[in-house]
């Protein structure tokens, strides 16, 4: 220890602990935004794609064109949040790198789907959603995300065995159980924690 460091007083120690608790709560809040935003966007795109496919529209994939716009919205959101954040936690840093890596893998799978066909790409994306939510649930110690991730793996397994049209419905189910429901529960948990 440097001799110029002076010991912290009780109130100073308490202030540091309170800042770390608030930072951890903010981590949870940030993740609820991501899960809810992407969950609702993917749900809308998957169901719209399904309906357009059923009615015989020439370009049923068109709803997926909203995904790059979604990436821009999320990027702006996180840029602004990062400017406001005063304390960084290891959990936040880990999840940031983890989801950045997941994003790269998703883009790779989408590229393969565009070239090789979507029949195998969507089950892989569902499985990847499962990995992301399972690991995030473990890092945040939030069981609904863990269970949602495990449910995605079951849905991904089923998706390999059904026609493409049905895969769209399984993809929609996957984001409901792994993103939307846990996202709302995370948001509620954050609000309860703030009220305490």
N, C-alpha and C. Protein backbone atom coordinates (compact mmCIF):
# COMPACT_ATOMS: atom_id res chain seq x y z
N UNK A 1 0.84 -1.18 0.00
CA UNK A 1 0.00 0.00 0.00
C UNK A 1 0.89 1.25 0.00
N UNK A 2 0.53 2.19 -0.78
CA UNK A 2 1.27 3.45 -0.86
C UNK A 2 1.08 4.21 0.45
N UNK A 3 2.15 4.81 0.97
CA UNK A 3 2.07 5.53 2.25
C UNK A 3 1.24 6.80 2.15
N UNK A 4 1.00 7.29 0.92
CA UNK A 4 0.19 8.49 0.77
C UNK A 4 -1.31 8.18 0.81
N UNK A 5 -1.65 6.89 0.69
CA UNK A 5 -3.07 6.51 0.79
C UNK A 5 -3.49 6.57 2.25
N UNK A 6 -4.61 7.19 2.48
CA UNK A 6 -5.10 7.20 3.85
C UNK A 6 -6.29 6.25 3.92
N UNK A 7 -6.50 5.62 5.05
CA UNK A 7 -7.60 4.68 5.20
C UNK A 7 -8.94 5.38 4.98
N UNK A 8 -9.87 4.60 4.44
CA UNK A 8 -11.21 5.15 4.21
C UNK A 8 -11.98 5.22 5.52
N UNK A 9 -12.77 6.26 5.63
CA UNK A 9 -13.65 6.36 6.80
C UNK A 9 -14.87 5.48 6.57
N UNK A 10 -15.63 5.28 7.59
CA UNK A 10 -16.85 4.48 7.48
C UNK A 10 -17.81 5.03 6.43
N UNK A 11 -18.12 6.32 6.44
CA UNK A 11 -19.02 6.88 5.44
C UNK A 11 -18.46 6.76 4.00
N UNK A 12 -17.15 6.92 3.85
CA UNK A 12 -16.54 6.79 2.51
C UNK A 12 -16.67 5.35 2.01
N UNK A 13 -16.43 4.39 2.88
CA UNK A 13 -16.57 2.98 2.51
C UNK A 13 -18.00 2.67 2.12
N UNK A 14 -18.95 3.19 2.89
CA UNK A 14 -20.37 2.97 2.60
C UNK A 14 -20.75 3.58 1.24
N UNK A 15 -20.21 4.75 0.94
CA UNK A 15 -20.49 5.40 -0.34
C UNK A 15 -19.98 4.55 -1.51
N UNK A 16 -18.78 3.98 -1.38
CA UNK A 16 -18.23 3.13 -2.44
C UNK A 16 -19.10 1.89 -2.63
N UNK A 17 -19.54 1.29 -1.54
CA UNK A 17 -20.41 0.11 -1.63
C UNK A 17 -21.72 0.48 -2.31
N UNK A 18 -22.31 1.61 -1.94
CA UNK A 18 -23.56 2.04 -2.56
C UNK A 18 -23.39 2.28 -4.06
N UNK A 19 -22.26 2.87 -4.47
CA UNK A 19 -22.00 3.10 -5.89
C UNK A 19 -21.89 1.78 -6.64
N UNK A 20 -21.24 0.78 -6.06
CA UNK A 20 -21.12 -0.52 -6.71
C UNK A 20 -22.48 -1.21 -6.82
N UNK A 21 -23.30 -1.12 -5.78
CA UNK A 21 -24.65 -1.71 -5.84
C UNK A 21 -25.45 -1.03 -6.93
N UNK A 22 -25.38 0.29 -7.01
CA UNK A 22 -26.12 1.02 -8.05
C UNK A 22 -25.62 0.64 -9.44
N UNK A 23 -24.32 0.45 -9.60
CA UNK A 23 -23.77 0.04 -10.89
C UNK A 23 -24.27 -1.34 -11.27
N UNK A 24 -24.34 -2.25 -10.30
CA UNK A 24 -24.86 -3.60 -10.59
C UNK A 24 -26.32 -3.53 -11.00
N UNK A 25 -27.10 -2.69 -10.33
CA UNK A 25 -28.50 -2.51 -10.71
C UNK A 25 -28.60 -1.95 -12.13
N UNK A 26 -27.71 -1.03 -12.47
CA UNK A 26 -27.72 -0.45 -13.81
C UNK A 26 -27.40 -1.50 -14.86
N UNK A 27 -26.49 -2.43 -14.55
CA UNK A 27 -26.21 -3.55 -15.45
C UNK A 27 -27.49 -4.28 -15.78
N UNK A 28 -28.28 -4.57 -14.75
CA UNK A 28 -29.53 -5.30 -14.95
C UNK A 28 -30.48 -4.48 -15.79
N UNK A 29 -30.58 -3.19 -15.53
CA UNK A 29 -31.47 -2.33 -16.30
C UNK A 29 -31.06 -2.31 -17.77
N UNK A 30 -29.76 -2.14 -18.05
CA UNK A 30 -29.29 -2.10 -19.43
C UNK A 30 -29.67 -3.37 -20.17
N UNK A 31 -29.50 -4.51 -19.56
CA UNK A 31 -29.79 -5.78 -20.23
C UNK A 31 -31.28 -5.94 -20.48
N UNK A 32 -32.14 -5.40 -19.62
CA UNK A 32 -33.57 -5.53 -19.90
C UNK A 32 -33.91 -4.76 -21.17
N UNK A 33 -33.28 -3.61 -21.39
CA UNK A 33 -33.53 -2.87 -22.63
C UNK A 33 -33.17 -3.73 -23.84
N UNK A 34 -31.99 -4.33 -23.83
CA UNK A 34 -31.54 -5.13 -24.97
C UNK A 34 -32.48 -6.30 -25.24
N UNK A 35 -32.83 -7.02 -24.19
CA UNK A 35 -33.70 -8.19 -24.39
C UNK A 35 -35.07 -7.77 -24.90
N UNK A 36 -35.62 -6.72 -24.34
CA UNK A 36 -36.95 -6.27 -24.79
C UNK A 36 -36.91 -5.71 -26.20
N UNK A 37 -35.95 -4.87 -26.48
CA UNK A 37 -35.88 -4.26 -27.81
C UNK A 37 -35.72 -5.34 -28.89
N UNK A 38 -34.68 -6.20 -28.74
CA UNK A 38 -34.44 -7.23 -29.76
C UNK A 38 -35.54 -8.28 -29.76
N UNK A 39 -36.07 -8.59 -28.60
CA UNK A 39 -37.15 -9.58 -28.55
C UNK A 39 -38.36 -9.15 -29.35
N UNK A 40 -38.82 -7.94 -29.11
CA UNK A 40 -40.00 -7.46 -29.83
C UNK A 40 -39.72 -7.25 -31.32
N UNK A 41 -38.52 -6.77 -31.65
CA UNK A 41 -38.18 -6.55 -33.06
C UNK A 41 -38.12 -7.88 -33.83
N UNK A 42 -37.45 -8.87 -33.25
CA UNK A 42 -37.35 -10.18 -33.91
C UNK A 42 -38.71 -10.86 -33.97
N UNK A 43 -39.49 -10.75 -32.90
CA UNK A 43 -40.84 -11.34 -32.91
C UNK A 43 -41.68 -10.75 -34.05
N UNK A 44 -41.66 -9.43 -34.18
CA UNK A 44 -42.43 -8.78 -35.25
C UNK A 44 -41.94 -9.22 -36.63
N UNK A 45 -40.62 -9.29 -36.80
CA UNK A 45 -40.07 -9.69 -38.10
C UNK A 45 -40.40 -11.14 -38.43
N UNK A 46 -40.25 -12.04 -37.45
CA UNK A 46 -40.52 -13.46 -37.69
C UNK A 46 -41.99 -13.70 -38.03
N UNK A 47 -42.89 -13.10 -37.26
CA UNK A 47 -44.32 -13.30 -37.52
C UNK A 47 -44.74 -12.64 -38.83
N UNK A 48 -44.19 -11.47 -39.13
CA UNK A 48 -44.50 -10.81 -40.41
C UNK A 48 -43.99 -11.65 -41.57
N UNK A 49 -42.79 -12.19 -41.45
CA UNK A 49 -42.21 -13.06 -42.48
C UNK A 49 -43.12 -14.27 -42.70
N UNK A 50 -43.59 -14.86 -41.61
CA UNK A 50 -44.48 -16.02 -41.69
C UNK A 50 -45.77 -15.67 -42.43
N UNK A 51 -46.39 -14.56 -42.04
CA UNK A 51 -47.66 -14.16 -42.68
C UNK A 51 -47.44 -13.87 -44.16
N UNK A 52 -46.38 -13.14 -44.50
CA UNK A 52 -46.11 -12.82 -45.90
C UNK A 52 -45.81 -14.08 -46.70
N UNK A 53 -45.17 -15.05 -46.09
CA UNK A 53 -44.89 -16.33 -46.75
C UNK A 53 -46.19 -17.09 -47.01
N UNK A 54 -47.08 -17.11 -46.03
CA UNK A 54 -48.35 -17.83 -46.16
C UNK A 54 -49.23 -17.21 -47.23
N UNK A 55 -49.25 -15.88 -47.30
CA UNK A 55 -50.11 -15.23 -48.30
C UNK A 55 -49.47 -15.19 -49.68
N UNK A 56 -48.23 -15.62 -49.78
CA UNK A 56 -47.57 -15.71 -51.08
C UNK A 56 -46.94 -14.43 -51.57
N UNK A 57 -46.60 -13.54 -50.67
CA UNK A 57 -45.96 -12.30 -51.06
C UNK A 57 -44.60 -12.60 -51.70
N UNK A 58 -44.25 -11.83 -52.70
CA UNK A 58 -43.03 -12.07 -53.48
C UNK A 58 -41.75 -11.97 -52.65
N UNK A 59 -41.71 -11.07 -51.68
CA UNK A 59 -40.52 -10.88 -50.84
C UNK A 59 -40.89 -11.02 -49.37
N UNK A 60 -41.15 -12.23 -48.92
CA UNK A 60 -41.59 -12.41 -47.52
C UNK A 60 -40.52 -12.09 -46.50
N UNK A 61 -39.28 -12.03 -46.89
CA UNK A 61 -38.16 -11.76 -45.99
C UNK A 61 -38.02 -10.28 -45.65
N UNK A 62 -38.77 -9.42 -46.32
CA UNK A 62 -38.62 -7.98 -46.18
C UNK A 62 -38.64 -7.45 -44.73
N UNK A 63 -39.44 -8.01 -43.82
CA UNK A 63 -39.42 -7.49 -42.44
C UNK A 63 -38.05 -7.56 -41.77
N UNK A 64 -37.20 -8.47 -42.22
CA UNK A 64 -35.87 -8.60 -41.61
C UNK A 64 -34.97 -7.42 -41.95
N UNK A 65 -35.37 -6.60 -42.91
CA UNK A 65 -34.59 -5.42 -43.26
C UNK A 65 -34.55 -4.40 -42.12
N UNK A 66 -35.41 -4.58 -41.11
CA UNK A 66 -35.41 -3.67 -39.96
C UNK A 66 -34.26 -3.96 -38.99
N UNK A 67 -33.60 -5.09 -39.12
CA UNK A 67 -32.55 -5.46 -38.17
C UNK A 67 -31.34 -4.50 -38.17
N UNK A 68 -30.83 -4.08 -39.33
CA UNK A 68 -29.72 -3.11 -39.27
C UNK A 68 -30.13 -1.81 -38.58
N UNK A 69 -31.36 -1.37 -38.81
CA UNK A 69 -31.85 -0.17 -38.14
C UNK A 69 -31.89 -0.41 -36.63
N UNK A 70 -32.30 -1.61 -36.23
CA UNK A 70 -32.30 -1.96 -34.82
C UNK A 70 -30.90 -1.90 -34.22
N UNK A 71 -29.91 -2.35 -34.98
CA UNK A 71 -28.53 -2.29 -34.53
C UNK A 71 -28.07 -0.86 -34.29
N UNK A 72 -28.50 0.04 -35.16
CA UNK A 72 -28.15 1.46 -35.00
C UNK A 72 -28.80 2.03 -33.74
N UNK A 73 -30.08 1.71 -33.53
CA UNK A 73 -30.79 2.19 -32.33
C UNK A 73 -30.10 1.71 -31.07
N UNK A 74 -29.76 0.41 -31.02
CA UNK A 74 -29.10 -0.15 -29.84
C UNK A 74 -27.71 0.47 -29.66
N UNK A 75 -26.99 0.67 -30.75
CA UNK A 75 -25.67 1.30 -30.67
C UNK A 75 -25.75 2.69 -30.07
N UNK A 76 -26.71 3.49 -30.51
CA UNK A 76 -26.89 4.85 -29.98
C UNK A 76 -27.27 4.79 -28.50
N UNK A 77 -28.17 3.86 -28.16
CA UNK A 77 -28.58 3.72 -26.76
C UNK A 77 -27.38 3.42 -25.87
N UNK A 78 -26.55 2.44 -26.28
CA UNK A 78 -25.41 2.07 -25.45
C UNK A 78 -24.32 3.15 -25.43
N UNK A 79 -24.17 3.87 -26.51
CA UNK A 79 -23.21 4.97 -26.53
C UNK A 79 -23.61 6.02 -25.48
N UNK A 80 -24.89 6.35 -25.45
CA UNK A 80 -25.37 7.34 -24.48
C UNK A 80 -25.26 6.82 -23.05
N UNK A 81 -25.60 5.55 -22.84
CA UNK A 81 -25.50 4.96 -21.51
C UNK A 81 -24.05 4.92 -21.03
N UNK A 82 -23.13 4.62 -21.93
CA UNK A 82 -21.72 4.54 -21.57
C UNK A 82 -21.20 5.91 -21.11
N UNK A 83 -21.68 6.97 -21.75
CA UNK A 83 -21.25 8.32 -21.36
C UNK A 83 -21.75 8.67 -19.95
N UNK A 84 -22.91 8.14 -19.57
CA UNK A 84 -23.49 8.43 -18.26
C UNK A 84 -22.94 7.54 -17.15
N UNK A 85 -22.41 6.38 -17.52
CA UNK A 85 -21.97 5.40 -16.53
C UNK A 85 -20.71 5.90 -15.82
N UNK A 86 -20.78 5.90 -14.49
CA UNK A 86 -19.63 6.36 -13.72
C UNK A 86 -18.79 5.21 -13.19
N UNK A 87 -19.39 4.03 -13.05
CA UNK A 87 -18.69 2.87 -12.51
C UNK A 87 -18.86 1.71 -13.48
N UNK A 88 -17.77 1.01 -13.75
CA UNK A 88 -17.82 -0.17 -14.61
C UNK A 88 -17.68 -1.41 -13.73
N UNK A 89 -18.52 -2.40 -13.99
CA UNK A 89 -18.41 -3.65 -13.24
C UNK A 89 -17.89 -4.74 -14.15
N UNK A 90 -17.26 -5.76 -13.60
CA UNK A 90 -16.79 -6.87 -14.42
C UNK A 90 -17.93 -7.57 -15.17
N UNK A 91 -19.10 -7.65 -14.55
CA UNK A 91 -20.24 -8.30 -15.20
C UNK A 91 -20.63 -7.52 -16.45
N UNK A 92 -20.69 -6.20 -16.34
CA UNK A 92 -21.05 -5.38 -17.50
C UNK A 92 -20.01 -5.52 -18.61
N UNK A 93 -18.74 -5.49 -18.23
CA UNK A 93 -17.69 -5.63 -19.24
C UNK A 93 -17.76 -7.00 -19.92
N UNK A 94 -17.93 -8.05 -19.12
CA UNK A 94 -18.03 -9.41 -19.68
C UNK A 94 -19.19 -9.52 -20.64
N UNK A 95 -20.37 -9.07 -20.21
CA UNK A 95 -21.55 -9.19 -21.08
C UNK A 95 -21.41 -8.34 -22.34
N UNK A 96 -20.76 -7.21 -22.24
CA UNK A 96 -20.53 -6.39 -23.44
C UNK A 96 -19.70 -7.13 -24.47
N UNK A 97 -18.58 -7.72 -24.04
CA UNK A 97 -17.74 -8.49 -24.96
C UNK A 97 -18.45 -9.75 -25.45
N UNK A 98 -19.14 -10.42 -24.55
CA UNK A 98 -19.84 -11.65 -24.92
C UNK A 98 -20.87 -11.38 -26.01
N UNK A 99 -21.72 -10.37 -25.82
CA UNK A 99 -22.76 -10.09 -26.82
C UNK A 99 -22.18 -9.51 -28.11
N UNK A 100 -21.07 -8.82 -28.03
CA UNK A 100 -20.41 -8.37 -29.26
C UNK A 100 -19.97 -9.58 -30.07
N UNK A 101 -19.38 -10.57 -29.39
CA UNK A 101 -19.00 -11.82 -30.07
C UNK A 101 -20.20 -12.56 -30.61
N UNK A 102 -21.29 -12.57 -29.85
CA UNK A 102 -22.52 -13.22 -30.33
C UNK A 102 -23.04 -12.51 -31.59
N UNK A 103 -22.94 -11.20 -31.60
CA UNK A 103 -23.38 -10.44 -32.77
C UNK A 103 -22.59 -10.82 -34.01
N UNK A 104 -21.27 -10.98 -33.85
CA UNK A 104 -20.43 -11.40 -34.98
C UNK A 104 -20.87 -12.77 -35.48
N UNK A 105 -21.10 -13.71 -34.56
CA UNK A 105 -21.55 -15.05 -34.97
C UNK A 105 -22.91 -15.00 -35.66
N UNK A 106 -23.81 -14.16 -35.17
CA UNK A 106 -25.13 -14.04 -35.80
C UNK A 106 -25.00 -13.52 -37.23
N UNK A 107 -24.15 -12.52 -37.42
CA UNK A 107 -23.95 -11.99 -38.77
C UNK A 107 -23.36 -13.08 -39.68
N UNK A 108 -22.44 -13.87 -39.16
CA UNK A 108 -21.86 -14.96 -39.95
C UNK A 108 -22.93 -15.98 -40.34
N UNK A 109 -23.78 -16.35 -39.40
CA UNK A 109 -24.85 -17.33 -39.69
C UNK A 109 -25.85 -16.74 -40.69
N UNK A 110 -26.16 -15.47 -40.55
CA UNK A 110 -27.06 -14.83 -41.50
C UNK A 110 -26.44 -14.83 -42.90
N UNK A 111 -25.15 -14.54 -42.99
CA UNK A 111 -24.46 -14.59 -44.28
C UNK A 111 -24.50 -15.97 -44.88
N UNK A 112 -24.28 -16.99 -44.07
CA UNK A 112 -24.36 -18.38 -44.56
C UNK A 112 -25.78 -18.68 -45.01
N UNK A 113 -26.78 -18.21 -44.26
CA UNK A 113 -28.18 -18.43 -44.63
C UNK A 113 -28.51 -17.79 -45.97
N UNK A 114 -27.95 -16.60 -46.22
CA UNK A 114 -28.23 -15.92 -47.49
C UNK A 114 -27.64 -16.68 -48.67
N UNK A 115 -26.52 -17.36 -48.43
CA UNK A 115 -25.85 -18.09 -49.50
C UNK A 115 -26.34 -19.53 -49.60
N UNK A 116 -26.42 -20.21 -48.47
CA UNK A 116 -26.72 -21.64 -48.44
C UNK A 116 -28.20 -21.96 -48.25
N UNK A 117 -28.99 -20.97 -47.87
CA UNK A 117 -30.41 -21.21 -47.58
C UNK A 117 -30.67 -21.11 -46.09
N UNK A 118 -31.92 -20.82 -45.75
CA UNK A 118 -32.27 -20.52 -44.36
C UNK A 118 -32.67 -21.75 -43.57
N UNK A 119 -32.86 -22.88 -44.21
CA UNK A 119 -33.35 -24.08 -43.53
C UNK A 119 -32.49 -24.47 -42.32
N UNK A 120 -31.18 -24.29 -42.39
CA UNK A 120 -30.31 -24.62 -41.27
C UNK A 120 -29.88 -23.37 -40.49
N UNK A 121 -30.02 -22.22 -41.09
CA UNK A 121 -29.58 -20.99 -40.42
C UNK A 121 -30.47 -20.63 -39.23
N UNK A 122 -31.78 -20.72 -39.38
CA UNK A 122 -32.67 -20.32 -38.29
C UNK A 122 -32.52 -21.21 -37.06
N UNK A 123 -32.42 -22.53 -37.22
CA UNK A 123 -32.17 -23.34 -36.01
C UNK A 123 -30.86 -22.95 -35.30
N UNK A 124 -29.84 -22.61 -36.09
CA UNK A 124 -28.57 -22.19 -35.48
C UNK A 124 -28.74 -20.85 -34.75
N UNK A 125 -29.51 -19.94 -35.32
CA UNK A 125 -29.76 -18.67 -34.66
C UNK A 125 -30.52 -18.87 -33.35
N UNK A 126 -31.51 -19.77 -33.37
CA UNK A 126 -32.27 -20.06 -32.14
C UNK A 126 -31.33 -20.63 -31.08
N UNK A 127 -30.44 -21.54 -31.49
CA UNK A 127 -29.47 -22.12 -30.55
C UNK A 127 -28.54 -21.03 -30.01
N UNK A 128 -28.16 -20.09 -30.84
CA UNK A 128 -27.29 -18.99 -30.42
C UNK A 128 -28.02 -18.08 -29.44
N UNK A 129 -29.31 -17.82 -29.67
CA UNK A 129 -30.11 -17.06 -28.71
C UNK A 129 -30.08 -17.78 -27.35
N UNK A 130 -30.18 -19.10 -27.40
CA UNK A 130 -30.14 -19.89 -26.17
C UNK A 130 -28.84 -19.72 -25.43
N UNK A 131 -27.73 -19.78 -26.15
CA UNK A 131 -26.42 -19.61 -25.52
C UNK A 131 -26.31 -18.22 -24.88
N UNK A 132 -26.73 -17.20 -25.62
CA UNK A 132 -26.63 -15.83 -25.11
C UNK A 132 -27.44 -15.61 -23.84
N UNK A 133 -28.67 -16.09 -23.83
CA UNK A 133 -29.50 -15.85 -22.66
C UNK A 133 -29.09 -16.75 -21.49
N UNK A 134 -28.64 -17.96 -21.79
CA UNK A 134 -28.19 -18.87 -20.74
C UNK A 134 -26.98 -18.28 -20.01
N UNK A 135 -25.99 -17.82 -20.76
CA UNK A 135 -24.78 -17.24 -20.15
C UNK A 135 -25.12 -15.92 -19.45
N UNK A 136 -25.93 -15.09 -20.07
CA UNK A 136 -26.32 -13.82 -19.43
C UNK A 136 -27.07 -14.08 -18.13
N UNK A 137 -27.95 -15.07 -18.14
CA UNK A 137 -28.68 -15.41 -16.92
C UNK A 137 -27.75 -15.86 -15.81
N UNK A 138 -26.72 -16.63 -16.18
CA UNK A 138 -25.75 -17.05 -15.18
C UNK A 138 -24.95 -15.88 -14.65
N UNK A 139 -24.52 -14.98 -15.54
CA UNK A 139 -23.72 -13.83 -15.12
C UNK A 139 -24.52 -12.88 -14.24
N UNK A 140 -25.79 -12.71 -14.57
CA UNK A 140 -26.64 -11.81 -13.79
C UNK A 140 -27.33 -12.51 -12.62
N UNK A 141 -27.13 -13.83 -12.53
CA UNK A 141 -27.79 -14.65 -11.50
C UNK A 141 -29.30 -14.47 -11.59
N UNK A 142 -29.81 -14.65 -12.82
CA UNK A 142 -31.23 -14.44 -13.09
C UNK A 142 -31.78 -15.66 -13.81
N UNK A 143 -32.48 -16.50 -13.07
CA UNK A 143 -32.92 -17.80 -13.58
C UNK A 143 -33.85 -17.75 -14.80
N UNK A 144 -34.76 -16.78 -14.92
CA UNK A 144 -35.60 -16.77 -16.12
C UNK A 144 -34.80 -16.74 -17.43
N UNK A 145 -33.66 -16.05 -17.43
CA UNK A 145 -32.81 -16.05 -18.63
C UNK A 145 -32.18 -17.43 -18.85
N UNK A 146 -31.76 -18.07 -17.77
CA UNK A 146 -31.18 -19.41 -17.87
C UNK A 146 -32.22 -20.38 -18.44
N UNK A 147 -33.43 -20.35 -17.89
CA UNK A 147 -34.49 -21.24 -18.37
C UNK A 147 -34.87 -20.92 -19.82
N UNK A 148 -34.91 -19.62 -20.15
CA UNK A 148 -35.21 -19.23 -21.53
C UNK A 148 -34.15 -19.74 -22.50
N UNK A 149 -32.89 -19.70 -22.08
CA UNK A 149 -31.81 -20.23 -22.91
C UNK A 149 -31.96 -21.72 -23.14
N UNK A 150 -32.27 -22.46 -22.07
CA UNK A 150 -32.47 -23.90 -22.20
C UNK A 150 -33.67 -24.20 -23.11
N UNK A 151 -34.73 -23.41 -23.00
CA UNK A 151 -35.90 -23.60 -23.87
C UNK A 151 -35.53 -23.36 -25.33
N UNK A 152 -34.67 -22.40 -25.59
CA UNK A 152 -34.22 -22.14 -26.96
C UNK A 152 -33.51 -23.36 -27.54
N UNK A 153 -32.72 -24.03 -26.74
CA UNK A 153 -32.00 -25.20 -27.25
C UNK A 153 -32.98 -26.31 -27.65
N UNK A 154 -34.06 -26.46 -26.89
CA UNK A 154 -35.09 -27.44 -27.26
C UNK A 154 -35.79 -27.00 -28.56
N UNK A 155 -36.10 -25.71 -28.65
CA UNK A 155 -36.75 -25.19 -29.86
C UNK A 155 -35.82 -25.30 -31.07
N UNK A 156 -34.53 -25.07 -30.88
CA UNK A 156 -33.57 -25.19 -31.98
C UNK A 156 -33.50 -26.62 -32.47
N UNK A 157 -33.51 -27.57 -31.55
CA UNK A 157 -33.48 -28.99 -31.92
C UNK A 157 -34.71 -29.33 -32.75
N UNK A 158 -35.88 -28.85 -32.31
CA UNK A 158 -37.12 -29.10 -33.06
C UNK A 158 -37.06 -28.41 -34.42
N UNK A 159 -36.46 -27.22 -34.48
CA UNK A 159 -36.43 -26.45 -35.73
C UNK A 159 -35.66 -27.17 -36.83
N UNK A 160 -34.67 -27.98 -36.47
CA UNK A 160 -33.93 -28.74 -37.48
C UNK A 160 -34.81 -29.78 -38.17
N UNK A 161 -35.93 -30.12 -37.54
CA UNK A 161 -36.76 -31.22 -38.04
C UNK A 161 -38.07 -30.77 -38.69
N UNK A 162 -38.27 -29.47 -38.83
CA UNK A 162 -39.54 -28.98 -39.38
C UNK A 162 -39.28 -28.12 -40.62
N UNK A 163 -40.32 -27.91 -41.42
CA UNK A 163 -40.15 -27.04 -42.60
C UNK A 163 -39.83 -25.59 -42.21
N UNK A 164 -39.28 -24.87 -43.17
CA UNK A 164 -38.85 -23.50 -42.94
C UNK A 164 -39.97 -22.63 -42.37
N UNK A 165 -41.16 -22.77 -42.92
CA UNK A 165 -42.29 -21.96 -42.49
C UNK A 165 -42.54 -22.14 -40.99
N UNK A 166 -42.45 -23.35 -40.51
CA UNK A 166 -42.65 -23.64 -39.09
C UNK A 166 -41.48 -23.13 -38.26
N UNK A 167 -40.30 -23.10 -38.85
CA UNK A 167 -39.14 -22.56 -38.14
C UNK A 167 -39.36 -21.10 -37.74
N UNK A 168 -40.07 -20.35 -38.57
CA UNK A 168 -40.35 -18.96 -38.25
C UNK A 168 -41.18 -18.85 -36.97
N UNK A 169 -42.13 -19.78 -36.81
CA UNK A 169 -42.95 -19.78 -35.60
C UNK A 169 -42.12 -20.19 -34.37
N UNK A 170 -41.21 -21.14 -34.57
CA UNK A 170 -40.34 -21.55 -33.47
C UNK A 170 -39.39 -20.42 -33.09
N UNK A 171 -38.91 -19.68 -34.09
CA UNK A 171 -38.07 -18.51 -33.82
C UNK A 171 -38.84 -17.48 -33.00
N UNK A 172 -40.10 -17.25 -33.37
CA UNK A 172 -40.94 -16.32 -32.61
C UNK A 172 -41.11 -16.81 -31.17
N UNK A 173 -41.37 -18.10 -31.00
CA UNK A 173 -41.52 -18.66 -29.65
C UNK A 173 -40.22 -18.51 -28.86
N UNK A 174 -39.09 -18.70 -29.54
CA UNK A 174 -37.79 -18.61 -28.87
C UNK A 174 -37.57 -17.21 -28.30
N UNK A 175 -37.88 -16.17 -29.05
CA UNK A 175 -37.64 -14.82 -28.52
C UNK A 175 -38.63 -14.46 -27.42
N UNK A 176 -39.83 -15.06 -27.46
CA UNK A 176 -40.78 -14.81 -26.38
C UNK A 176 -40.26 -15.39 -25.07
N UNK A 177 -39.79 -16.66 -25.10
CA UNK A 177 -39.36 -17.31 -23.85
C UNK A 177 -37.97 -16.91 -23.39
N UNK A 178 -37.12 -16.44 -24.31
CA UNK A 178 -35.75 -16.13 -23.90
C UNK A 178 -35.43 -14.64 -23.84
N UNK A 179 -36.18 -13.82 -24.52
CA UNK A 179 -35.91 -12.38 -24.53
C UNK A 179 -37.05 -11.58 -23.89
N UNK A 180 -38.27 -11.76 -24.39
CA UNK A 180 -39.36 -10.88 -23.99
C UNK A 180 -39.81 -11.12 -22.55
N UNK A 181 -40.14 -12.36 -22.20
CA UNK A 181 -40.59 -12.63 -20.83
C UNK A 181 -39.47 -12.33 -19.82
N UNK A 182 -38.24 -12.87 -20.01
CA UNK A 182 -37.19 -12.51 -19.06
C UNK A 182 -36.87 -11.01 -19.05
N UNK A 183 -36.97 -10.36 -20.21
CA UNK A 183 -36.70 -8.92 -20.27
C UNK A 183 -37.66 -8.13 -19.40
N UNK A 184 -38.95 -8.48 -19.46
CA UNK A 184 -39.93 -7.80 -18.61
C UNK A 184 -39.69 -8.12 -17.14
N UNK A 185 -39.31 -9.36 -16.84
CA UNK A 185 -39.01 -9.72 -15.45
C UNK A 185 -37.77 -9.00 -14.94
N UNK A 186 -36.75 -8.84 -15.79
CA UNK A 186 -35.55 -8.08 -15.41
C UNK A 186 -35.90 -6.63 -15.11
N UNK A 187 -36.74 -6.06 -15.96
CA UNK A 187 -37.14 -4.67 -15.77
C UNK A 187 -37.89 -4.51 -14.45
N UNK A 188 -38.79 -5.46 -14.17
CA UNK A 188 -39.54 -5.41 -12.91
C UNK A 188 -38.61 -5.59 -11.72
N UNK A 189 -37.63 -6.47 -11.84
CA UNK A 189 -36.66 -6.68 -10.76
C UNK A 189 -35.86 -5.41 -10.50
N UNK A 190 -35.46 -4.72 -11.56
CA UNK A 190 -34.72 -3.48 -11.41
C UNK A 190 -35.58 -2.42 -10.71
N UNK A 191 -36.83 -2.32 -11.10
CA UNK A 191 -37.72 -1.32 -10.48
C UNK A 191 -37.94 -1.62 -9.00
N UNK A 192 -38.12 -2.91 -8.67
CA UNK A 192 -38.29 -3.30 -7.26
C UNK A 192 -37.03 -2.98 -6.46
N UNK A 193 -35.85 -3.26 -7.07
CA UNK A 193 -34.58 -2.98 -6.40
C UNK A 193 -34.38 -1.50 -6.16
N UNK A 194 -34.85 -0.68 -7.09
CA UNK A 194 -34.70 0.77 -6.95
C UNK A 194 -35.64 1.30 -5.87
N UNK A 195 -36.80 0.63 -5.73
CA UNK A 195 -37.78 1.10 -4.75
C UNK A 195 -37.39 0.73 -3.33
N UNK A 196 -36.54 -0.28 -3.19
CA UNK A 196 -36.14 -0.74 -1.85
C UNK A 196 -35.21 0.23 -1.20
